[in-house]
Amino acid sequence: MPNQSDWEVKAANILKAELKRQGVTYAQLAELIGDKEPNVRNKLSRGKFSAAYMLQCLEAIGVNDLRI
């Protein structure tokens, strides 16, 4: 099984950090975006998600500015 690329890890860590900053749990995010909690948890643990998914999540939790 291939390792996550550095970019996948970075994207997942950015999204996780923003969730924590906003005080949003995986279950709450799943409800906000119309997904199931296990799906959200798996995507974030693997780091395998599209840029569109990341933007959808960030908008759903109210993140307008992102520092990288």
C-alpha atoms as a PDB file:
ATOM      1  CA  MET A   1       0.000   0.000   0.000  1.00  0.00           C
ATOM      2  CA  PRO A   2       1.517   3.354  -0.996  1.00  0.00           C
ATOM      3  CA  ASN A   3       2.289   5.954   1.650  1.00  0.00           C
ATOM      4  CA  GLN A   4       0.429   9.230   1.782  1.00  0.00           C
ATOM      5  CA  SER A   5       2.158  11.955  -0.079  1.00  0.00           C
ATOM      6  CA  ASP A   6       3.347  14.967   1.841  1.00  0.00           C
ATOM      7  CA  TRP A   7       0.604  17.009   0.178  1.00  0.00           C
ATOM      8  CA  GLU A   8      -2.159  14.653   1.288  1.00  0.00           C
ATOM      9  CA  VAL A   9      -0.876  14.782   4.862  1.00  0.00           C
ATOM     10  CA  LYS A  10      -0.658  18.570   4.760  1.00  0.00           C
ATOM     11  CA  ALA A  11      -4.201  18.952   3.371  1.00  0.00           C
ATOM     12  CA  ALA A  12      -5.649  16.616   6.007  1.00  0.00           C
ATOM     13  CA  ASN A  13      -3.762  18.397   8.794  1.00  0.00           C
ATOM     14  CA  ILE A  14      -4.974  21.809   7.638  1.00  0.00           C
ATOM     15  CA  LEU A  15      -8.588  20.643   7.567  1.00  0.00           C
ATOM     16  CA  LYS A  16      -8.286  18.935  10.965  1.00  0.00           C
ATOM     17  CA  ALA A  17      -6.719  22.069  12.469  1.00  0.00           C
ATOM     18  CA  GLU A  18      -9.538  24.260  11.147  1.00  0.00           C
ATOM     19  CA  LEU A  19     -12.136  21.870  12.546  1.00  0.00           C
ATOM     20  CA  LYS A  20     -10.446  22.072  15.934  1.00  0.00           C
ATOM     21  CA  ARG A  21     -10.185  25.885  15.761  1.00  0.00           C
ATOM     22  CA  GLN A  22     -13.881  26.145  14.986  1.00  0.00           C
ATOM     23  CA  GLY A  23     -14.807  23.548  17.624  1.00  0.00           C
ATOM     24  CA  VAL A  24     -16.497  21.311  15.061  1.00  0.00           C
ATOM     25  CA  THR A  25     -16.510  17.527  15.442  1.00  0.00           C
ATOM     26  CA  TYR A  26     -16.469  15.026  12.602  1.00  0.00           C
ATOM     27  CA  ALA A  27     -20.122  14.237  13.354  1.00  0.00           C
ATOM     28  CA  GLN A  28     -21.081  17.903  13.148  1.00  0.00           C
ATOM     29  CA  LEU A  29     -19.139  18.351   9.909  1.00  0.00           C
ATOM     30  CA  ALA A  30     -20.834  15.296   8.422  1.00  0.00           C
ATOM     31  CA  GLU A  31     -24.225  16.781   9.239  1.00  0.00           C
ATOM     32  CA  LEU A  32     -23.268  20.164   7.778  1.00  0.00           C
ATOM     33  CA  ILE A  33     -22.133  18.707   4.457  1.00  0.00           C
ATOM     34  CA  GLY A  34     -24.729  15.928   4.213  1.00  0.00           C
ATOM     35  CA  ASP A  35     -22.325  13.047   4.651  1.00  0.00           C
ATOM     36  CA  LYS A  36     -21.897  10.254   7.192  1.00  0.00           C
ATOM     37  CA  GLU A  37     -19.416  10.537  10.051  1.00  0.00           C
ATOM     38  CA  PRO A  38     -17.463   7.369   9.133  1.00  0.00           C
ATOM     39  CA  ASN A  39     -16.970   8.723   5.597  1.00  0.00           C
ATOM     40  CA  VAL A  40     -15.625  12.023   6.943  1.00  0.00           C
ATOM     41  CA  ARG A  41     -13.387  10.248   9.432  1.00  0.00           C
ATOM     42  CA  ASN A  42     -11.972   7.935   6.733  1.00  0.00           C
ATOM     43  CA  LYS A  43     -11.310  10.736   4.261  1.00  0.00           C
ATOM     44  CA  LEU A  44      -9.471  12.793   6.856  1.00  0.00           C
ATOM     45  CA  SER A  45      -7.479   9.879   8.228  1.00  0.00           C
ATOM     46  CA  ARG A  46      -6.362   8.822   4.737  1.00  0.00           C
ATOM     47  CA  GLY A  47      -5.928  12.348   3.409  1.00  0.00           C
ATOM     48  CA  LYS A  48      -7.658  11.228   0.234  1.00  0.00           C
ATOM     49  CA  PHE A  49     -10.120  13.927  -0.757  1.00  0.00           C
ATOM     50  CA  SER A  50     -10.494  16.476  -3.513  1.00  0.00           C
ATOM     51  CA  ALA A  51      -9.840  20.187  -3.287  1.00  0.00           C
ATOM     52  CA  ALA A  52     -13.573  20.663  -3.847  1.00  0.00           C
ATOM     53  CA  TYR A  53     -14.327  18.514  -0.777  1.00  0.00           C
ATOM     54  CA  MET A  54     -11.878  20.548   1.307  1.00  0.00           C
ATOM     55  CA  LEU A  55     -13.473  23.807   0.167  1.00  0.00           C
ATOM     56  CA  GLN A  56     -16.938  22.430   0.908  1.00  0.00           C
ATOM     57  CA  CYS A  57     -15.870  21.502   4.432  1.00  0.00           C
ATOM     58  CA  LEU A  58     -14.136  24.810   5.095  1.00  0.00           C
ATOM     59  CA  GLU A  59     -17.137  26.795   3.913  1.00  0.00           C
ATOM     60  CA  ALA A  60     -19.518  24.651   5.966  1.00  0.00           C
ATOM     61  CA  ILE A  61     -17.607  25.400   9.173  1.00  0.00           C
ATOM     62  CA  GLY A  62     -17.333  29.105   8.424  1.00  0.00           C
ATOM     63  CA  VAL A  63     -13.694  29.415   7.413  1.00  0.00           C
ATOM     64  CA  ASN A  64     -13.289  32.367   5.063  1.00  0.00           C
ATOM     65  CA  ASP A  65      -9.544  32.905   5.331  1.00  0.00           C
ATOM     66  CA  LEU A  66      -6.910  30.205   5.364  1.00  0.00           C
ATOM     67  CA  ARG A  67      -3.232  30.610   6.166  1.00  0.00           C
ATOM     68  CA  ILE A  68      -0.939  27.932   4.800  1.00  0.00           C
END
